[in-house]
C-alpha atoms as a PDB file:
ATOM      1  CA  MET A   1       8.539   0.636   3.952  1.00  0.00           C
ATOM      2  CA  GLY A   2       9.382   1.172   7.586  1.00  0.00           C
ATOM      3  CA  LEU A   3       9.605  -0.410  10.974  1.00  0.00           C
ATOM      4  CA  ASN A   4       6.382  -1.670  12.530  1.00  0.00           C
ATOM      5  CA  MET A   5       6.064  -2.980  16.065  1.00  0.00           C
ATOM      6  CA  VAL A   6       3.332  -5.589  16.392  1.00  0.00           C
ATOM      7  CA  VAL A   7       1.709  -6.922  19.559  1.00  0.00           C
ATOM      8  CA  GLY A   8      -0.179 -10.110  18.742  1.00  0.00           C
ATOM      9  CA  VAL A   9       1.989 -11.042  15.790  1.00  0.00           C
ATOM     10  CA  LEU A  10       0.078 -14.282  15.159  1.00  0.00           C
ATOM     11  CA  ALA A  11      -3.398 -12.785  15.461  1.00  0.00           C
ATOM     12  CA  GLY A  12      -5.123 -13.353  12.144  1.00  0.00           C
ATOM     13  CA  ALA A  13      -2.007 -14.851  10.524  1.00  0.00           C
ATOM     14  CA  GLU A  14      -2.952 -16.942   7.491  1.00  0.00           C
ATOM     15  CA  ASP A  15       0.462 -17.769   6.029  1.00  0.00           C
ATOM     16  CA  ASP A  16       1.447 -21.217   7.322  1.00  0.00           C
ATOM     17  CA  ASN A  17       5.147 -20.662   6.622  1.00  0.00           C
ATOM     18  CA  TYR A  18       5.143 -17.372   8.537  1.00  0.00           C
ATOM     19  CA  THR A  19       3.252 -18.923  11.456  1.00  0.00           C
ATOM     20  CA  GLU A  20       5.713 -21.804  11.579  1.00  0.00           C
ATOM     21  CA  MET A  21       8.651 -19.372  11.597  1.00  0.00           C
ATOM     22  CA  VAL A  22       7.190 -17.327  14.464  1.00  0.00           C
ATOM     23  CA  HIS A  23       6.446 -20.445  16.503  1.00  0.00           C
ATOM     24  CA  ALA A  24      10.071 -21.510  16.018  1.00  0.00           C
ATOM     25  CA  ASP A  25      11.185 -18.069  17.216  1.00  0.00           C
ATOM     26  CA  PHE A  26       9.057 -18.471  20.347  1.00  0.00           C
ATOM     27  CA  VAL A  27      10.559 -21.903  21.077  1.00  0.00           C
ATOM     28  CA  ALA A  28      14.031 -20.345  20.838  1.00  0.00           C
ATOM     29  CA  ILE A  29      12.933 -17.508  23.134  1.00  0.00           C
ATOM     30  CA  GLY A  30      11.789 -20.052  25.724  1.00  0.00           C
ATOM     31  CA  GLU A  31      15.202 -21.697  25.650  1.00  0.00           C
ATOM     32  CA  LEU A  32      16.991 -18.366  25.965  1.00  0.00           C
ATOM     33  CA  LEU A  33      14.851 -17.282  28.907  1.00  0.00           C
ATOM     34  CA  GLU A  34      15.474 -20.581  30.679  1.00  0.00           C
ATOM     35  CA  ARG A  35      19.209 -20.284  30.118  1.00  0.00           C
ATOM     36  CA  ALA A  36      19.150 -16.726  31.505  1.00  0.00           C
ATOM     37  CA  GLY A  37      17.262 -17.861  34.611  1.00  0.00           C
ATOM     38  CA  ALA A  38      14.284 -15.683  33.700  1.00  0.00           C
ATOM     39  CA  ARG A  39      10.607 -16.475  34.145  1.00  0.00           C
ATOM     40  CA  GLN A  40       9.161 -18.683  31.453  1.00  0.00           C
ATOM     41  CA  TRP A  41       6.731 -17.157  28.980  1.00  0.00           C
ATOM     42  CA  THR A  42       4.227 -18.396  26.405  1.00  0.00           C
ATOM     43  CA  GLU A  43       2.647 -16.252  23.706  1.00  0.00           C
ATOM     44  CA  PRO A  44      -1.105 -16.009  24.339  1.00  0.00           C
ATOM     45  CA  ASP A  45      -3.660 -16.703  21.627  1.00  0.00           C
ATOM     46  CA  LEU A  46      -4.895 -13.169  20.893  1.00  0.00           C
ATOM     47  CA  ASP A  47      -7.575 -12.230  18.409  1.00  0.00           C
ATOM     48  CA  GLU A  48      -7.070  -9.347  16.000  1.00  0.00           C
ATOM     49  CA  GLU A  49      -8.985  -6.878  18.176  1.00  0.00           C
ATOM     50  CA  GLN A  50      -6.655  -7.499  21.124  1.00  0.00           C
ATOM     51  CA  GLY A  51      -3.465  -6.900  19.174  1.00  0.00           C
ATOM     52  CA  ALA A  52      -2.185  -3.745  17.515  1.00  0.00           C
ATOM     53  CA  GLU A  53       0.514  -2.333  15.246  1.00  0.00           C
ATOM     54  CA  PHE A  54       2.691   0.639  16.136  1.00  0.00           C
ATOM     55  CA  GLU A  55       4.818   2.677  13.733  1.00  0.00           C
ATOM     56  CA  ALA A  56       8.300   4.093  14.285  1.00  0.00           C
ATOM     57  CA  TRP A  57       8.546   6.909  11.679  1.00  0.00           C
ATOM     58  CA  GLY A  58      10.523   4.712   9.329  1.00  0.00           C
ATOM     59  CA  TYR A  59      13.671   2.898  10.344  1.00  0.00           C
ATOM     60  CA  SER A  60      15.389   6.201  11.091  1.00  0.00           C
ATOM     61  CA  GLY A  61      12.836   7.188  13.733  1.00  0.00           C
ATOM     62  CA  LEU A  62      14.034   4.564  16.195  1.00  0.00           C
ATOM     63  CA  HIS A  63      17.635   5.732  15.790  1.00  0.00           C
ATOM     64  CA  THR A  64      16.677   9.333  16.552  1.00  0.00           C
ATOM     65  CA  LEU A  65      15.223   8.251  19.898  1.00  0.00           C
ATOM     66  CA  ARG A  66      18.210   6.054  20.655  1.00  0.00           C
ATOM     67  CA  ARG A  67      20.461   9.047  20.022  1.00  0.00           C
ATOM     68  CA  LEU A  68      18.682  10.942  22.793  1.00  0.00           C
ATOM     69  CA  ALA A  69      18.990   7.948  25.096  1.00  0.00           C
ATOM     70  CA  VAL A  70      22.755   7.518  24.755  1.00  0.00           C
ATOM     71  CA  HIS A  71      23.393  11.227  25.335  1.00  0.00           C
ATOM     72  CA  LEU A  72      21.078  11.312  28.333  1.00  0.00           C
ATOM     73  CA  ALA A  73      22.893   8.281  29.754  1.00  0.00           C
ATOM     74  CA  ALA A  74      26.319   9.815  29.096  1.00  0.00           C
ATOM     75  CA  ASP A  75      25.903  13.334  30.482  1.00  0.00           C
ATOM     76  CA  GLY A  76      22.409  13.624  31.916  1.00  0.00           C
ATOM     77  CA  ARG A  77      20.980  15.933  29.264  1.00  0.00           C
ATOM     78  CA  LEU A  78      19.437  15.771  25.827  1.00  0.00           C
ATOM     79  CA  PRO A  79      21.505  16.730  22.776  1.00  0.00           C
ATOM     80  CA  GLU A  80      20.418  19.485  20.436  1.00  0.00           C
ATOM     81  CA  PRO A  81      17.762  18.436  17.910  1.00  0.00           C
ATOM     82  CA  LEU A  82      18.964  17.104  14.582  1.00  0.00           C
ATOM     83  CA  ASP A  83      18.777  19.401  11.605  1.00  0.00           C
ATOM     84  CA  GLY A  84      17.938  18.290   8.089  1.00  0.00           C
ATOM     85  CA  SER A  85      21.591  17.751   7.152  1.00  0.00           C
ATOM     86  CA  ARG A  86      22.385  15.124   9.792  1.00  0.00           C
ATOM     87  CA  ARG A  87      21.191  11.621  10.519  1.00  0.00           C
ATOM     88  CA  ALA A  88      21.019  10.073  13.957  1.00  0.00           C
ATOM     89  CA  THR A  89      23.262   7.212  12.853  1.00  0.00           C
ATOM     90  CA  ASP A  90      26.024   9.758  12.092  1.00  0.00           C
ATOM     91  CA  ASP A  91      26.191  10.669  15.784  1.00  0.00           C
ATOM     92  CA  PRO A  92      29.629   9.538  17.085  1.00  0.00           C
ATOM     93  CA  LEU A  93      28.362   8.599  20.541  1.00  0.00           C
ATOM     94  CA  LEU A  94      25.507   6.533  19.171  1.00  0.00           C
ATOM     95  CA  GLY A  95      27.887   4.807  16.774  1.00  0.00           C
ATOM     96  CA  LYS A  96      30.257   3.973  19.632  1.00  0.00           C
ATOM     97  CA  VAL A  97      27.425   2.475  21.707  1.00  0.00           C
ATOM     98  CA  TYR A  98      26.185   0.439  18.738  1.00  0.00           C
ATOM     99  CA  GLU A  99      29.653  -1.066  18.311  1.00  0.00           C
ATOM    100  CA  ALA A 100      29.736  -2.349  21.901  1.00  0.00           C
ATOM    101  CA  LEU A 101      27.741  -5.273  23.253  1.00  0.00           C
ATOM    102  CA  PRO A 102      25.673  -4.659  26.377  1.00  0.00           C
ATOM    103  CA  SER A 103      27.510  -5.717  29.524  1.00  0.00           C
ATOM    104  CA  GLY A 104      26.898  -5.682  33.269  1.00  0.00           C
ATOM    105  CA  PRO A 105      25.831  -3.735  35.083  1.00  0.00           C
ATOM    106  CA  PRO A 106      23.043  -2.851  32.614  1.00  0.00           C
ATOM    107  CA  GLY A 107      22.852   0.722  31.379  1.00  0.00           C
ATOM    108  CA  PRO A 108      19.724   2.866  31.741  1.00  0.00           C
ATOM    109  CA  PHE A 109      18.629   2.365  28.119  1.00  0.00           C
ATOM    110  CA  ASP A 110      20.106  -0.996  27.122  1.00  0.00           C
ATOM    111  CA  HIS A 111      16.819  -2.601  26.066  1.00  0.00           C
ATOM    112  CA  LEU A 112      15.964   0.328  23.807  1.00  0.00           C
ATOM    113  CA  VAL A 113      19.398   0.734  22.264  1.00  0.00           C
ATOM    114  CA  HIS A 114      20.652  -2.844  21.949  1.00  0.00           C
ATOM    115  CA  HIS A 115      18.106  -4.405  19.630  1.00  0.00           C
ATOM    116  CA  SER A 116      17.771  -4.857  15.892  1.00  0.00           C
ATOM    117  CA  ASP A 117      16.022  -1.999  14.103  1.00  0.00           C
ATOM    118  CA  CYS A 118      14.145  -4.345  11.760  1.00  0.00           C
ATOM    119  CA  GLU A 119      13.451  -7.696  13.436  1.00  0.00           C
ATOM    120  CA  GLY A 120      13.341  -9.460  16.767  1.00  0.00           C
ATOM    121  CA  TYR A 121      11.216  -9.422  19.898  1.00  0.00           C
ATOM    122  CA  TYR A 122      10.561  -7.925  23.293  1.00  0.00           C
ATOM    123  CA  VAL A 123       8.761 -10.259  25.702  1.00  0.00           C
ATOM    124  CA  PRO A 124       6.741  -9.294  28.810  1.00  0.00           C
ATOM    125  CA  VAL A 125       9.252 -10.823  31.205  1.00  0.00           C
ATOM    126  CA  ASP A 126      11.359  -8.658  33.511  1.00  0.00           C
ATOM    127  CA  PHE A 127      15.069  -9.370  33.083  1.00  0.00           C
ATOM    128  CA  ALA A 128      17.803  -6.792  33.547  1.00  0.00           C
ATOM    129  CA  GLN A 129      20.397  -7.825  30.973  1.00  0.00           C
ATOM    130  CA  VAL A 130      19.543  -7.786  27.261  1.00  0.00           C
ATOM    131  CA  ILE A 131      19.926 -11.331  25.947  1.00  0.00           C
ATOM    132  CA  VAL A 132      22.447 -11.389  23.110  1.00  0.00           C
ATOM    133  CA  ASP A 133      22.426 -14.651  21.209  1.00  0.00           C
ATOM    134  CA  LYS A 134      22.417 -15.684  17.566  1.00  0.00           C
ATOM    135  CA  LYS A 135      19.424 -17.927  18.318  1.00  0.00           C
ATOM    136  CA  ALA A 136      17.351 -14.804  18.960  1.00  0.00           C
ATOM    137  CA  ARG A 137      15.931 -13.302  15.784  1.00  0.00           C
ATOM    138  CA  GLY A 138      17.949 -10.159  15.099  1.00  0.00           C
ATOM    139  CA  GLY A 139      20.558 -11.264  17.627  1.00  0.00           C
ATOM    140  CA  TYR A 140      18.891  -9.644  20.652  1.00  0.00           C
ATOM    141  CA  LEU A 141      15.988 -10.392  22.971  1.00  0.00           C
ATOM    142  CA  GLY A 142      14.605  -7.545  25.051  1.00  0.00           C
ATOM    143  CA  SER A 143      12.157  -7.164  27.927  1.00  0.00           C
ATOM    144  CA  SER A 144       9.042  -5.108  27.243  1.00  0.00           C
ATOM    145  CA  ALA A 145       8.888  -4.387  30.998  1.00  0.00           C
ATOM    146  CA  ARG A 146      12.341  -2.795  30.833  1.00  0.00           C
ATOM    147  CA  LEU A 147      11.496  -1.095  27.540  1.00  0.00           C
ATOM    148  CA  LEU A 148       8.524   0.566  29.240  1.00  0.00           C
ATOM    149  CA  GLU A 149      10.738   1.847  32.060  1.00  0.00           C
ATOM    150  CA  GLU A 150      13.262   3.215  29.588  1.00  0.00           C
ATOM    151  CA  ALA A 151      10.645   4.896  27.393  1.00  0.00           C
ATOM    152  CA  ARG A 152       9.117   6.489  30.497  1.00  0.00           C
ATOM    153  CA  ARG A 153      12.552   7.786  31.498  1.00  0.00           C
ATOM    154  CA  LEU A 154      12.920   9.401  28.091  1.00  0.00           C
ATOM    155  CA  ALA A 155       9.384  10.807  28.176  1.00  0.00           C
ATOM    156  CA  GLU A 156      10.172  12.464  31.491  1.00  0.00           C
ATOM    157  CA  ALA A 157      13.345  14.008  30.075  1.00  0.00           C
ATOM    158  CA  LEU A 158      11.379  15.271  27.067  1.00  0.00           C
ATOM    159  CA  GLY A 159       8.537  16.636  29.195  1.00  0.00           C
ATOM    160  CA  LEU A 160       6.280  14.348  27.152  1.00  0.00           C
ATOM    161  CA  PRO A 161       2.919  13.310  28.661  1.00  0.00           C
ATOM    162  CA  GLU A 162       2.773   9.557  28.140  1.00  0.00           C
ATOM    163  CA  ASP A 163      -0.991   9.566  27.671  1.00  0.00           C
ATOM    164  CA  LEU A 164      -0.723  11.641  24.476  1.00  0.00           C
ATOM    165  CA  ASP A 165      -2.095   9.922  21.388  1.00  0.00           C
ATOM    166  CA  PRO A 166       0.841   9.482  18.975  1.00  0.00           C
ATOM    167  CA  HIS A 167      -1.624   9.841  16.089  1.00  0.00           C
ATOM    168  CA  SER A 168      -3.002  13.141  17.341  1.00  0.00           C
ATOM    169  CA  GLU A 169      -2.618  16.224  15.181  1.00  0.00           C
ATOM    170  CA  GLU A 170      -0.301  17.990  17.633  1.00  0.00           C
ATOM    171  CA  VAL A 171       2.118  15.045  17.787  1.00  0.00           C
ATOM    172  CA  PHE A 172       2.105  14.493  14.035  1.00  0.00           C
ATOM    173  CA  GLU A 173       2.625  18.191  13.301  1.00  0.00           C
ATOM    174  CA  ALA A 174       5.625  18.297  15.651  1.00  0.00           C
ATOM    175  CA  ALA A 175       7.136  15.203  14.034  1.00  0.00           C
ATOM    176  CA  ASP A 176       6.541  16.483  10.510  1.00  0.00           C
ATOM    177  CA  ALA A 177       7.758  20.056  11.115  1.00  0.00           C
ATOM    178  CA  GLU A 178      10.585  21.288   8.900  1.00  0.00           C
ATOM    179  CA  GLU A 179      12.090  23.252  11.801  1.00  0.00           C
ATOM    180  CA  PRO A 180      11.958  22.074  15.426  1.00  0.00           C
ATOM    181  CA  ALA A 181       9.959  24.022  17.974  1.00  0.00           C
ATOM    182  CA  THR A 182      11.826  26.194  20.450  1.00  0.00           C
ATOM    183  CA  GLU A 183      10.873  24.421  23.661  1.00  0.00           C
ATOM    184  CA  GLY A 184       9.359  21.339  25.258  1.00  0.00           C
ATOM    185  CA  TRP A 185       8.825  17.934  23.721  1.00  0.00           C
ATOM    186  CA  ARG A 186       7.920  19.524  20.389  1.00  0.00           C
ATOM    187  CA  ARG A 187      11.625  20.335  19.883  1.00  0.00           C
ATOM    188  CA  TYR A 188      12.009  16.586  19.366  1.00  0.00           C
ATOM    189  CA  GLY A 189       8.940  15.792  17.309  1.00  0.00           C
ATOM    190  CA  VAL A 190      10.043  12.517  15.713  1.00  0.00           C
ATOM    191  CA  GLU A 191      11.644  11.311  18.921  1.00  0.00           C
ATOM    192  CA  SER A 192       8.472  12.072  20.870  1.00  0.00           C
ATOM    193  CA  TYR A 193       6.340  10.263  18.292  1.00  0.00           C
ATOM    194  CA  VAL A 194       8.513   7.143  18.496  1.00  0.00           C
ATOM    195  CA  CYS A 195       8.681   7.323  22.292  1.00  0.00           C
ATOM    196  CA  LEU A 196       4.888   7.368  22.498  1.00  0.00           C
ATOM    197  CA  GLN A 197       4.607   4.432  20.115  1.00  0.00           C
ATOM    198  CA  LEU A 198       7.041   2.424  22.243  1.00  0.00           C
ATOM    199  CA  LEU A 199       5.170   3.343  25.417  1.00  0.00           C
ATOM    200  CA  HIS A 200       1.879   2.164  23.963  1.00  0.00           C
ATOM    201  CA  ALA A 201       3.411  -1.022  22.534  1.00  0.00           C
ATOM    202  CA  ALA A 202       5.136  -1.928  25.798  1.00  0.00           C
ATOM    203  CA  LYS A 203       1.988  -1.297  27.845  1.00  0.00           C
ATOM    204  CA  LEU A 204      -0.071  -3.504  25.527  1.00  0.00           C
ATOM    205  CA  SER A 205       2.588  -6.215  25.603  1.00  0.00           C
ATOM    206  CA  ILE A 206       2.507  -6.271  29.397  1.00  0.00           C
ATOM    207  CA  SER A 207      -1.272  -6.129  29.710  1.00  0.00           C
ATOM    208  CA  THR A 208      -1.892  -8.914  27.162  1.00  0.00           C
ATOM    209  CA  GLY A 209       1.185 -11.022  27.869  1.00  0.00           C
ATOM    210  CA  ALA A 210       2.119 -10.953  24.175  1.00  0.00           C
ATOM    211  CA  ALA A 211       5.474 -10.159  22.639  1.00  0.00           C
ATOM    212  CA  ILE A 212       6.363  -7.027  20.718  1.00  0.00           C
ATOM    213  CA  ALA A 213       7.590  -8.160  17.300  1.00  0.00           C
ATOM    214  CA  PHE A 214       9.669  -5.864  15.103  1.00  0.00           C
ATOM    215  CA  THR A 215       8.655  -6.376  11.480  1.00  0.00           C
END
């Protein structure tokens, strides 16, 4: 089991209970956007070929990328790669950021960092402040437009070409390596893999008008 990010979450859905739940989530999202003064949004009716699923290297993969983000925001540079004895969630700075709610003015990676790691949505509406509300599934609602900006900022810091295929052999080998490479984006193989997946998901969300659903 692991985190999947789905664009076109209702495409091909056959479970009536699941479809009803997602529609209820979208109604709540509409109310939250209206309350925030953001542009209204409606999930388009995509077919299965228009949607896609994106992986995040398990639940831990997202946290490894968030660790880079909080350090880059704090001191303008990437931390050293994790070794096999440490988890991203053990990082004191990341833990401190997780404990705090996002507040104004927005930070450079708020939409990436302040979101559930297992459920919830990003919608293709541009709003600066992450919406924190118990009516949002997972407690947070993010903007896929802002997520794209943040992932691009991280890709630039990593020296990661955003047009790389996350399923290519070179990306997978870097992510699966027992020891990190000595330079470039390959030093952060898992982080680069997740960053590419987020880039592709956010781009598809914006181009189709559909939400990114964490499942």
